[in-house]
Amino acid sequence: MPSSVFGTLARLGLEAFTTYNGQSVFALAYAQATGCFIMGIALGMRAPFGRYYGPLYTAMTTGFCGSLTTFSGWQVDVFDSWVNAGQYPRAGLQNFLDGLTKTWVTLVVSLASLSFGVHVCGLIVPYFPAPRPPSRGFRYTLTVASVLAYAATFPAYFYLPADFRHQATAALLFSYPGTLSRYLLSIYLNQRSKYFPLGTFAANAIGTALLGLFHVLQNLPSSVSPAACSLLQGLGDGYCGCLTTISTFAAEVVALGGWKPWLYVVISWCMGQLLLLIIMGTSFWAGHVNERMTCTFNAS
């Protein structure tokens, strides 16, 4: 629970911090790289984590890294480049190159960051012996604190200023349900295919489709209410952002052998773009919605 909340906060904070006029690198790349780097460190420390407290490993990998990185946000970012959602003065070839760049740069940066994290972990782990497993009292206290940390997102949403809702508090509200959905899908589906992890694939595909739908609703000509806009933004940043993951996706690509990594990457990417083409593309080109967001988050 808290790792989902903090992972979402870290992703939103990194995106806000790295979004500025004249930026050379698209903002989402920083979150993807950071999450994959931490995932690499966690993978290298899997055995020490297991000896100390197994749920801590799940919290770090599935929770924090999975929420810090996002597959659906990457897919929508690429699709927005294809259709020039920002309405920049450029030709179709430049739109294609922009989407292509976001595709391969994200893949390369994510895989490189994961490998670098594993390498760094190999250098430092020998100097940090695993501590003794925590006591039962400590584990119970940690469980209660974790539940309270997520419970705090509800008063944060309702009692903090409304301007915070679309920026963070709505996303925090939906972060843990997204992570839990991904975790359950991975448990029940990952072992059912010998070619690639079906659970992560399903989570990434469902989250991408939902994010595309939420973007369509935010771009309707007659915009919905500010409260609904904030909830849609929270569902996109929180639920879809945590339901989908690049860090686990990258770890699985590295773990697969032979030709399977290429199959996994190509099918996952093509499925994401196909879903967005059906959901967002048809809505844009039929003239039913605008390519730029029409949602307003302030009642004024």
C-alpha atoms as a PDB file:
ATOM      1  CA  MET A   1       0.000   0.000   0.000  1.00  0.00           C
ATOM      2  CA  PRO A   2       2.522   2.691   0.980  1.00  0.00           C
ATOM      3  CA  SER A   3       4.961   1.653  -1.735  1.00  0.00           C
ATOM      4  CA  SER A   4       2.237   2.190  -4.352  1.00  0.00           C
ATOM      5  CA  VAL A   5       1.479   5.618  -2.924  1.00  0.00           C
ATOM      6  CA  PHE A   6       5.132   6.675  -2.744  1.00  0.00           C
ATOM      7  CA  GLY A   7       5.900   5.243  -6.185  1.00  0.00           C
ATOM      8  CA  THR A   8       3.045   7.259  -7.683  1.00  0.00           C
ATOM      9  CA  LEU A   9       4.172  10.386  -5.849  1.00  0.00           C
ATOM     10  CA  ALA A  10       7.718   9.900  -7.123  1.00  0.00           C
ATOM     11  CA  ARG A  11       6.521   9.480 -10.722  1.00  0.00           C
ATOM     12  CA  LEU A  12       4.290  12.554 -10.619  1.00  0.00           C
ATOM     13  CA  GLY A  13       7.028  14.562  -8.925  1.00  0.00           C
ATOM     14  CA  LEU A  14       9.669  13.549 -11.462  1.00  0.00           C
ATOM     15  CA  GLU A  15       7.359  14.347 -14.367  1.00  0.00           C
ATOM     16  CA  ALA A  16       6.523  17.768 -12.909  1.00  0.00           C
ATOM     17  CA  PHE A  17      10.168  18.542 -12.154  1.00  0.00           C
ATOM     18  CA  THR A  18      11.443  17.513 -15.601  1.00  0.00           C
ATOM     19  CA  THR A  19       8.706  19.217 -17.637  1.00  0.00           C
ATOM     20  CA  TYR A  20       9.846  22.644 -18.767  1.00  0.00           C
ATOM     21  CA  ASN A  21      10.126  24.750 -21.906  1.00  0.00           C
ATOM     22  CA  GLY A  22      12.853  23.598 -24.257  1.00  0.00           C
ATOM     23  CA  GLN A  23      13.433  20.244 -22.545  1.00  0.00           C
ATOM     24  CA  SER A  24      15.614  17.854 -24.541  1.00  0.00           C
ATOM     25  CA  VAL A  25      14.353  14.608 -22.985  1.00  0.00           C
ATOM     26  CA  PHE A  26      10.674  13.720 -22.599  1.00  0.00           C
ATOM     27  CA  ALA A  27       9.690  13.825 -18.936  1.00  0.00           C
ATOM     28  CA  LEU A  28       8.490  10.233 -18.578  1.00  0.00           C
ATOM     29  CA  ALA A  29      11.957   8.896 -19.431  1.00  0.00           C
ATOM     30  CA  TYR A  30      13.271   9.990 -16.030  1.00  0.00           C
ATOM     31  CA  ALA A  31      10.635   8.026 -14.120  1.00  0.00           C
ATOM     32  CA  GLN A  32      11.158   4.938 -16.271  1.00  0.00           C
ATOM     33  CA  ALA A  33      14.939   5.064 -15.838  1.00  0.00           C
ATOM     34  CA  THR A  34      14.773   5.641 -12.087  1.00  0.00           C
ATOM     35  CA  GLY A  35      12.253   2.863 -11.500  1.00  0.00           C
ATOM     36  CA  CYS A  36      14.211   0.357 -13.584  1.00  0.00           C
ATOM     37  CA  PHE A  37      17.461   1.269 -11.824  1.00  0.00           C
ATOM     38  CA  ILE A  38      15.887   0.652  -8.408  1.00  0.00           C
ATOM     39  CA  MET A  39      14.337  -2.552  -9.756  1.00  0.00           C
ATOM     40  CA  GLY A  40      17.811  -3.714 -10.800  1.00  0.00           C
ATOM     41  CA  ILE A  41      19.136  -3.091  -7.291  1.00  0.00           C
ATOM     42  CA  ALA A  42      16.176  -4.975  -5.801  1.00  0.00           C
ATOM     43  CA  LEU A  43      16.702  -7.920  -8.143  1.00  0.00           C
ATOM     44  CA  GLY A  44      20.313  -8.148  -7.057  1.00  0.00           C
ATOM     45  CA  MET A  45      19.236  -8.114  -3.399  1.00  0.00           C
ATOM     46  CA  ARG A  46      16.452 -10.666  -3.763  1.00  0.00           C
ATOM     47  CA  ALA A  47      18.167 -13.262  -1.571  1.00  0.00           C
ATOM     48  CA  PRO A  48      19.034 -10.813   1.268  1.00  0.00           C
ATOM     49  CA  PHE A  49      15.502  -9.380   1.098  1.00  0.00           C
ATOM     50  CA  GLY A  50      14.070 -12.886   1.352  1.00  0.00           C
ATOM     51  CA  ARG A  51      16.178 -13.754   4.382  1.00  0.00           C
ATOM     52  CA  TYR A  52      15.257 -10.498   6.098  1.00  0.00           C
ATOM     53  CA  TYR A  53      11.550 -10.030   5.268  1.00  0.00           C
ATOM     54  CA  GLY A  54      10.066 -11.340   2.007  1.00  0.00           C
ATOM     55  CA  PRO A  55       7.152  -8.866   1.716  1.00  0.00           C
ATOM     56  CA  LEU A  56       9.699  -6.043   1.663  1.00  0.00           C
ATOM     57  CA  TYR A  57      10.991  -7.351  -1.679  1.00  0.00           C
ATOM     58  CA  THR A  58       7.455  -7.382  -3.119  1.00  0.00           C
ATOM     59  CA  ALA A  59       6.859  -3.886  -1.795  1.00  0.00           C
ATOM     60  CA  MET A  60      10.027  -2.599  -3.444  1.00  0.00           C
ATOM     61  CA  THR A  61       9.576  -4.309  -6.825  1.00  0.00           C
ATOM     62  CA  THR A  62       5.843  -4.776  -7.439  1.00  0.00           C
ATOM     63  CA  GLY A  63       4.839  -1.811  -5.314  1.00  0.00           C
ATOM     64  CA  PHE A  64       7.323   1.038  -5.605  1.00  0.00           C
ATOM     65  CA  CYS A  65       9.098   0.303  -8.902  1.00  0.00           C
ATOM     66  CA  GLY A  66       5.916  -0.920 -10.588  1.00  0.00           C
ATOM     67  CA  SER A  67       4.118   2.294  -9.609  1.00  0.00           C
ATOM     68  CA  LEU A  68       7.026   4.597 -10.419  1.00  0.00           C
ATOM     69  CA  THR A  69       7.199   3.270 -13.986  1.00  0.00           C
ATOM     70  CA  THR A  70       4.245   3.062 -16.352  1.00  0.00           C
ATOM     71  CA  PHE A  71       3.656   1.150 -19.570  1.00  0.00           C
ATOM     72  CA  SER A  72       0.332   2.834 -20.361  1.00  0.00           C
ATOM     73  CA  GLY A  73       1.790   6.336 -20.019  1.00  0.00           C
ATOM     74  CA  TRP A  74       4.575   5.356 -22.420  1.00  0.00           C
ATOM     75  CA  GLN A  75       2.113   4.007 -24.965  1.00  0.00           C
ATOM     76  CA  VAL A  76      -0.115   7.093 -24.846  1.00  0.00           C
ATOM     77  CA  ASP A  77       2.947   9.337 -25.074  1.00  0.00           C
ATOM     78  CA  VAL A  78       4.035   7.524 -28.253  1.00  0.00           C
ATOM     79  CA  PHE A  79       0.530   7.650 -29.743  1.00  0.00           C
ATOM     80  CA  ASP A  80       0.228  11.370 -28.967  1.00  0.00           C
ATOM     81  CA  SER A  81       3.400  11.870 -30.998  1.00  0.00           C
ATOM     82  CA  TRP A  82       1.970   9.953 -33.971  1.00  0.00           C
ATOM     83  CA  VAL A  83      -1.160  12.178 -34.043  1.00  0.00           C
ATOM     84  CA  ASN A  84       0.683  15.349 -32.973  1.00  0.00           C
ATOM     85  CA  ALA A  85      -1.669  15.882 -30.026  1.00  0.00           C
ATOM     86  CA  GLY A  86       0.357  18.956 -29.040  1.00  0.00           C
ATOM     87  CA  GLN A  87      -0.423  20.503 -32.452  1.00  0.00           C
ATOM     88  CA  TYR A  88       3.183  21.452 -33.113  1.00  0.00           C
ATOM     89  CA  PRO A  89       4.028  23.021 -36.491  1.00  0.00           C
ATOM     90  CA  ARG A  90       5.662  19.964 -38.052  1.00  0.00           C
ATOM     91  CA  ALA A  91       5.054  17.448 -40.822  1.00  0.00           C
ATOM     92  CA  GLY A  92       3.978  13.814 -40.647  1.00  0.00           C
ATOM     93  CA  LEU A  93       7.546  12.535 -40.913  1.00  0.00           C
ATOM     94  CA  GLN A  94       8.525  14.480 -37.792  1.00  0.00           C
ATOM     95  CA  ASN A  95       5.518  13.039 -35.948  1.00  0.00           C
ATOM     96  CA  PHE A  96       6.644   9.553 -36.909  1.00  0.00           C
ATOM     97  CA  LEU A  97      10.238  10.210 -35.813  1.00  0.00           C
ATOM     98  CA  ASP A  98       9.051  11.631 -32.496  1.00  0.00           C
ATOM     99  CA  GLY A  99       6.973   8.530 -31.724  1.00  0.00           C
ATOM    100  CA  LEU A 100       9.750   6.235 -32.889  1.00  0.00           C
ATOM    101  CA  THR A 101      12.271   8.028 -30.681  1.00  0.00           C
ATOM    102  CA  LYS A 102      10.058   7.723 -27.606  1.00  0.00           C
ATOM    103  CA  THR A 103       9.688   4.025 -28.375  1.00  0.00           C
ATOM    104  CA  TRP A 104      13.314   2.999 -28.675  1.00  0.00           C
ATOM    105  CA  VAL A 105      14.708   5.470 -26.140  1.00  0.00           C
ATOM    106  CA  THR A 106      12.313   4.179 -23.473  1.00  0.00           C
ATOM    107  CA  LEU A 107      13.258   0.583 -24.222  1.00  0.00           C
ATOM    108  CA  VAL A 108      17.001   1.259 -24.254  1.00  0.00           C
ATOM    109  CA  VAL A 109      16.978   3.493 -21.167  1.00  0.00           C
ATOM    110  CA  SER A 110      14.811   1.054 -19.202  1.00  0.00           C
ATOM    111  CA  LEU A 111      16.890  -2.022 -20.011  1.00  0.00           C
ATOM    112  CA  ALA A 112      20.177  -0.173 -19.478  1.00  0.00           C
ATOM    113  CA  SER A 113      19.005   1.245 -16.139  1.00  0.00           C
ATOM    114  CA  LEU A 114      17.917  -2.209 -14.988  1.00  0.00           C
ATOM    115  CA  SER A 115      21.303  -3.708 -15.880  1.00  0.00           C
ATOM    116  CA  PHE A 116      23.125  -0.813 -14.241  1.00  0.00           C
ATOM    117  CA  GLY A 117      21.109  -1.313 -11.056  1.00  0.00           C
ATOM    118  CA  VAL A 118      22.020  -5.005 -10.961  1.00  0.00           C
ATOM    119  CA  HIS A 119      25.680  -4.089 -11.494  1.00  0.00           C
ATOM    120  CA  VAL A 120      25.688  -1.463  -8.738  1.00  0.00           C
ATOM    121  CA  CYS A 121      23.993  -3.902  -6.383  1.00  0.00           C
ATOM    122  CA  GLY A 122      26.691  -6.494  -7.070  1.00  0.00           C
ATOM    123  CA  LEU A 123      29.315  -3.968  -6.023  1.00  0.00           C
ATOM    124  CA  ILE A 124      27.731  -2.903  -2.741  1.00  0.00           C
ATOM    125  CA  VAL A 125      25.951  -6.008  -1.422  1.00  0.00           C
ATOM    126  CA  PRO A 126      29.142  -7.750  -0.173  1.00  0.00           C
ATOM    127  CA  TYR A 127      29.756  -4.809   2.147  1.00  0.00           C
ATOM    128  CA  PHE A 128      26.283  -4.826   3.701  1.00  0.00           C
ATOM    129  CA  PRO A 129      25.469  -8.077   5.505  1.00  0.00           C
ATOM    130  CA  ALA A 130      21.777  -8.884   5.808  1.00  0.00           C
ATOM    131  CA  PRO A 131      20.288  -7.816   9.159  1.00  0.00           C
ATOM    132  CA  ARG A 132      18.413 -10.197  11.413  1.00  0.00           C
ATOM    133  CA  PRO A 133      14.757 -10.859  10.476  1.00  0.00           C
ATOM    134  CA  PRO A 134      12.352  -8.439  12.181  1.00  0.00           C
ATOM    135  CA  SER A 135      10.369  -9.472  15.225  1.00  0.00           C
ATOM    136  CA  ARG A 136       6.677 -10.332  15.065  1.00  0.00           C
ATOM    137  CA  GLY A 137       5.825  -7.064  16.775  1.00  0.00           C
ATOM    138  CA  PHE A 138       7.736  -5.083  14.176  1.00  0.00           C
ATOM    139  CA  ARG A 139       5.969  -6.924  11.345  1.00  0.00           C
ATOM    140  CA  TYR A 140       2.540  -6.238  12.846  1.00  0.00           C
ATOM    141  CA  THR A 141       3.433  -2.602  13.383  1.00  0.00           C
ATOM    142  CA  LEU A 142       4.614  -2.306   9.789  1.00  0.00           C
ATOM    143  CA  THR A 143       1.370  -3.848   8.538  1.00  0.00           C
ATOM    144  CA  VAL A 144      -0.776  -1.428  10.527  1.00  0.00           C
ATOM    145  CA  ALA A 145       1.339   1.536   9.426  1.00  0.00           C
ATOM    146  CA  SER A 146       1.012   0.412   5.798  1.00  0.00           C
ATOM    147  CA  VAL A 147      -2.776   0.281   5.986  1.00  0.00           C
ATOM    148  CA  LEU A 148      -2.890   3.691   7.674  1.00  0.00           C
ATOM    149  CA  ALA A 149      -0.602   5.163   5.013  1.00  0.00           C
ATOM    150  CA  TYR A 150      -3.047   4.240   2.269  1.00  0.00           C
ATOM    151  CA  ALA A 151      -6.063   5.201   4.404  1.00  0.00           C
ATOM    152  CA  ALA A 152      -4.555   8.693   4.677  1.00  0.00           C
ATOM    153  CA  THR A 153      -5.094   9.186   0.923  1.00  0.00           C
ATOM    154  CA  PHE A 154      -8.855   9.485   1.505  1.00  0.00           C
ATOM    155  CA  PRO A 155      -8.784  12.517   3.840  1.00  0.00           C
ATOM    156  CA  ALA A 156      -5.978  13.926   1.678  1.00  0.00           C
ATOM    157  CA  TYR A 157      -8.312  13.827  -1.326  1.00  0.00           C
ATOM    158  CA  PHE A 158     -11.376  15.249   0.431  1.00  0.00           C
ATOM    159  CA  TYR A 159      -9.807  17.793   2.783  1.00  0.00           C
ATOM    160  CA  LEU A 160      -6.806  19.198   0.947  1.00  0.00           C
ATOM    161  CA  PRO A 161      -7.507  22.021  -1.543  1.00  0.00           C
ATOM    162  CA  ALA A 162      -9.360  20.905  -4.683  1.00  0.00           C
ATOM    163  CA  ASP A 163      -6.428  22.095  -6.831  1.00  0.00           C
ATOM    164  CA  PHE A 164      -4.364  19.200  -5.453  1.00  0.00           C
ATOM    165  CA  ARG A 165      -6.786  16.562  -6.681  1.00  0.00           C
ATOM    166  CA  HIS A 166      -5.790  16.440 -10.335  1.00  0.00           C
ATOM    167  CA  GLN A 167      -2.146  17.019  -9.453  1.00  0.00           C
ATOM    168  CA  ALA A 168      -1.716  14.199  -6.940  1.00  0.00           C
ATOM    169  CA  THR A 169      -4.381  13.288  -4.395  1.00  0.00           C
ATOM    170  CA  ALA A 170      -6.801  11.641  -6.858  1.00  0.00           C
ATOM    171  CA  ALA A 171      -3.946   9.552  -8.266  1.00  0.00           C
ATOM    172  CA  LEU A 172      -2.882   8.476  -4.776  1.00  0.00           C
ATOM    173  CA  LEU A 173      -6.439   7.349  -4.096  1.00  0.00           C
ATOM    174  CA  PHE A 174      -6.361   4.914  -7.028  1.00  0.00           C
ATOM    175  CA  SER A 175      -2.702   3.859  -6.784  1.00  0.00           C
ATOM    176  CA  TYR A 176      -3.038   0.805  -4.556  1.00  0.00           C
ATOM    177  CA  PRO A 177      -6.037  -0.700  -6.426  1.00  0.00           C
ATOM    178  CA  GLY A 178      -3.984  -0.482  -9.621  1.00  0.00           C
ATOM    179  CA  THR A 179      -0.974  -2.194  -8.073  1.00  0.00           C
ATOM    180  CA  LEU A 180      -3.137  -4.864  -6.457  1.00  0.00           C
ATOM    181  CA  SER A 181      -4.850  -5.589  -9.789  1.00  0.00           C
ATOM    182  CA  ARG A 182      -1.464  -6.041 -11.479  1.00  0.00           C
ATOM    183  CA  TYR A 183      -0.216  -8.263  -8.665  1.00  0.00           C
ATOM    184  CA  LEU A 184      -3.261 -10.539  -8.842  1.00  0.00           C
ATOM    185  CA  LEU A 185      -3.071 -10.769 -12.632  1.00  0.00           C
ATOM    186  CA  SER A 186       0.590 -11.747 -12.425  1.00  0.00           C
ATOM    187  CA  ILE A 187      -0.108 -14.441  -9.831  1.00  0.00           C
ATOM    188  CA  TYR A 188      -2.918 -16.049 -11.804  1.00  0.00           C
ATOM    189  CA  LEU A 189      -1.681 -15.613 -15.377  1.00  0.00           C
ATOM    190  CA  ASN A 190       2.116 -15.334 -15.527  1.00  0.00           C
ATOM    191  CA  GLN A 191       2.702 -19.080 -15.445  1.00  0.00           C
ATOM    192  CA  ARG A 192       0.041 -19.947 -18.025  1.00  0.00           C
ATOM    193  CA  SER A 193       2.116 -19.141 -21.097  1.00  0.00           C
ATOM    194  CA  LYS A 194       5.499 -20.613 -21.979  1.00  0.00           C
ATOM    195  CA  TYR A 195       6.290 -17.742 -24.330  1.00  0.00           C
ATOM    196  CA  PHE A 196       6.053 -14.691 -22.061  1.00  0.00           C
ATOM    197  CA  PRO A 197       4.471 -13.518 -18.759  1.00  0.00           C
ATOM    198  CA  LEU A 198       0.771 -13.355 -19.607  1.00  0.00           C
ATOM    199  CA  GLY A 199      -0.207 -11.576 -16.392  1.00  0.00           C
ATOM    200  CA  THR A 200       2.039  -8.560 -16.940  1.00  0.00           C
ATOM    201  CA  PHE A 201       0.996  -8.482 -20.596  1.00  0.00           C
ATOM    202  CA  ALA A 202      -2.682  -8.460 -19.620  1.00  0.00           C
ATOM    203  CA  ALA A 203      -2.139  -5.745 -16.998  1.00  0.00           C
ATOM    204  CA  ASN A 204      -0.274  -3.541 -19.477  1.00  0.00           C
ATOM    205  CA  ALA A 205      -2.877  -4.068 -22.203  1.00  0.00           C
ATOM    206  CA  ILE A 206      -5.879  -3.421 -19.926  1.00  0.00           C
ATOM    207  CA  GLY A 207      -4.251  -0.365 -18.354  1.00  0.00           C
ATOM    208  CA  THR A 208      -3.339   1.092 -21.742  1.00  0.00           C
ATOM    209  CA  ALA A 209      -6.897   0.619 -23.026  1.00  0.00           C
ATOM    210  CA  LEU A 210      -8.348   2.245 -19.915  1.00  0.00           C
ATOM    211  CA  LEU A 211      -5.936   5.175 -20.095  1.00  0.00           C
ATOM    212  CA  GLY A 212      -6.901   5.725 -23.737  1.00  0.00           C
ATOM    213  CA  LEU A 213     -10.567   5.731 -22.729  1.00  0.00           C
ATOM    214  CA  PHE A 214      -9.960   8.219 -19.918  1.00  0.00           C
ATOM    215  CA  HIS A 215      -8.102  10.498 -22.340  1.00  0.00           C
ATOM    216  CA  VAL A 216     -11.046  10.385 -24.745  1.00  0.00           C
ATOM    217  CA  LEU A 217     -13.421  11.358 -21.926  1.00  0.00           C
ATOM    218  CA  GLN A 218     -11.120  14.227 -20.945  1.00  0.00           C
ATOM    219  CA  ASN A 219     -11.092  15.486 -24.535  1.00  0.00           C
ATOM    220  CA  LEU A 220     -14.844  15.598 -25.155  1.00  0.00           C
ATOM    221  CA  PRO A 221     -16.022  18.835 -26.846  1.00  0.00           C
ATOM    222  CA  SER A 222     -18.386  19.531 -23.937  1.00  0.00           C
ATOM    223  CA  SER A 223     -16.062  18.982 -21.024  1.00  0.00           C
ATOM    224  CA  VAL A 224     -17.221  17.202 -17.897  1.00  0.00           C
ATOM    225  CA  SER A 225     -17.285  18.858 -14.476  1.00  0.00           C
ATOM    226  CA  PRO A 226     -14.026  19.825 -12.740  1.00  0.00           C
ATOM    227  CA  ALA A 227     -14.589  17.116 -10.111  1.00  0.00           C
ATOM    228  CA  ALA A 228     -15.059  14.468 -12.821  1.00  0.00           C
ATOM    229  CA  CYS A 229     -11.978  15.766 -14.637  1.00  0.00           C
ATOM    230  CA  SER A 230      -9.910  15.344 -11.478  1.00  0.00           C
ATOM    231  CA  LEU A 231     -11.192  11.804 -10.985  1.00  0.00           C
ATOM    232  CA  LEU A 232     -10.400  10.916 -14.604  1.00  0.00           C
ATOM    233  CA  GLN A 233      -6.897  12.329 -14.168  1.00  0.00           C
ATOM    234  CA  GLY A 234      -6.509  10.347 -10.956  1.00  0.00           C
ATOM    235  CA  LEU A 235      -7.684   7.146 -12.624  1.00  0.00           C
ATOM    236  CA  GLY A 236      -5.166   7.695 -15.412  1.00  0.00           C
ATOM    237  CA  ASP A 237      -2.184   8.668 -13.267  1.00  0.00           C
ATOM    238  CA  GLY A 238      -3.077   6.423 -10.342  1.00  0.00           C
ATOM    239  CA  TYR A 239      -4.948   3.303 -11.378  1.00  0.00           C
ATOM    240  CA  CYS A 240      -3.614   2.943 -14.944  1.00  0.00           C
ATOM    241  CA  GLY A 241      -0.152   4.191 -14.000  1.00  0.00           C
ATOM    242  CA  CYS A 242       0.119   1.535 -11.269  1.00  0.00           C
ATOM    243  CA  LEU A 243      -1.718  -1.223 -13.141  1.00  0.00           C
ATOM    244  CA  THR A 244       0.895  -1.027 -15.884  1.00  0.00           C
ATOM    245  CA  THR A 245       4.662  -1.210 -15.436  1.00  0.00           C
ATOM    246  CA  ILE A 246       7.889  -0.840 -17.341  1.00  0.00           C
ATOM    247  CA  SER A 247      10.210  -2.028 -14.567  1.00  0.00           C
ATOM    248  CA  THR A 248       8.685  -5.518 -14.305  1.00  0.00           C
ATOM    249  CA  PHE A 249       8.334  -5.588 -18.090  1.00  0.00           C
ATOM    250  CA  ALA A 250      12.064  -4.849 -18.471  1.00  0.00           C
ATOM    251  CA  ALA A 251      13.019  -7.437 -15.842  1.00  0.00           C
ATOM    252  CA  GLU A 252      10.955 -10.060 -17.652  1.00  0.00           C
ATOM    253  CA  VAL A 253      12.496  -9.163 -21.007  1.00  0.00           C
ATOM    254  CA  VAL A 254      15.967  -9.692 -19.546  1.00  0.00           C
ATOM    255  CA  ALA A 255      14.951 -12.980 -17.915  1.00  0.00           C
ATOM    256  CA  LEU A 256      13.445 -14.515 -21.054  1.00  0.00           C
ATOM    257  CA  GLY A 257      15.750 -16.513 -23.281  1.00  0.00           C
ATOM    258  CA  GLY A 258      16.248 -16.963 -27.010  1.00  0.00           C
ATOM    259  CA  TRP A 259      13.778 -15.187 -29.275  1.00  0.00           C
ATOM    260  CA  LYS A 260      11.122 -14.788 -26.561  1.00  0.00           C
ATOM    261  CA  PRO A 261      12.208 -11.288 -25.407  1.00  0.00           C
ATOM    262  CA  TRP A 262      11.714  -9.916 -28.924  1.00  0.00           C
ATOM    263  CA  LEU A 263       8.304 -11.581 -29.186  1.00  0.00           C
ATOM    264  CA  TYR A 264       7.266 -10.177 -25.824  1.00  0.00           C
ATOM    265  CA  VAL A 265       8.394  -6.633 -26.640  1.00  0.00           C
ATOM    266  CA  VAL A 266       6.892  -6.530 -30.136  1.00  0.00           C
ATOM    267  CA  ILE A 267       3.531  -8.035 -29.154  1.00  0.00           C
ATOM    268  CA  SER A 268       3.230  -5.817 -26.052  1.00  0.00           C
ATOM    269  CA  TRP A 269       4.074  -2.638 -27.952  1.00  0.00           C
ATOM    270  CA  CYS A 270       1.878  -3.464 -30.956  1.00  0.00           C
ATOM    271  CA  MET A 271      -1.044  -4.406 -28.720  1.00  0.00           C
ATOM    272  CA  GLY A 272      -0.772  -1.111 -26.852  1.00  0.00           C
ATOM    273  CA  GLN A 273      -0.678   0.962 -30.035  1.00  0.00           C
ATOM    274  CA  LEU A 274      -3.497  -1.045 -31.624  1.00  0.00           C
ATOM    275  CA  LEU A 275      -5.741  -0.508 -28.596  1.00  0.00           C
ATOM    276  CA  LEU A 276      -5.041   3.228 -28.635  1.00  0.00           C
ATOM    277  CA  LEU A 277      -5.664   3.365 -32.383  1.00  0.00           C
ATOM    278  CA  ILE A 278      -9.092   1.794 -31.854  1.00  0.00           C
ATOM    279  CA  ILE A 279     -10.020   3.840 -28.781  1.00  0.00           C
ATOM    280  CA  MET A 280      -8.332   7.218 -29.281  1.00  0.00           C
ATOM    281  CA  GLY A 281      -7.621   7.275 -33.015  1.00  0.00           C
ATOM    282  CA  THR A 282     -11.154   6.535 -34.162  1.00  0.00           C
ATOM    283  CA  SER A 283     -12.519   9.121 -31.704  1.00  0.00           C
ATOM    284  CA  PHE A 284     -10.105  11.799 -32.928  1.00  0.00           C
ATOM    285  CA  TRP A 285     -10.555  11.185 -36.627  1.00  0.00           C
ATOM    286  CA  ALA A 286     -14.324  10.841 -36.445  1.00  0.00           C
ATOM    287  CA  GLY A 287     -14.405  14.366 -35.005  1.00  0.00           C
ATOM    288  CA  HIS A 288     -16.117  13.281 -31.787  1.00  0.00           C
ATOM    289  CA  VAL A 289     -13.338  14.478 -29.482  1.00  0.00           C
ATOM    290  CA  ASN A 290     -10.477  16.953 -29.586  1.00  0.00           C
ATOM    291  CA  GLU A 291      -6.855  15.869 -29.726  1.00  0.00           C
ATOM    292  CA  ARG A 292      -6.025  18.277 -26.917  1.00  0.00           C
ATOM    293  CA  MET A 293      -7.527  18.032 -23.444  1.00  0.00           C
ATOM    294  CA  THR A 294     -10.694  20.077 -22.911  1.00  0.00           C
ATOM    295  CA  CYS A 295     -11.027  19.189 -19.228  1.00  0.00           C
ATOM    296  CA  THR A 296     -10.807  22.044 -16.736  1.00  0.00           C
ATOM    297  CA  PHE A 297      -9.851  21.332 -13.150  1.00  0.00           C
ATOM    298  CA  ASN A 298     -11.028  24.576 -11.587  1.00  0.00           C
ATOM    299  CA  ALA A 299     -14.669  25.526 -11.242  1.00  0.00           C
ATOM    300  CA  SER A 300     -13.813  29.102 -12.160  1.00  0.00           C
END
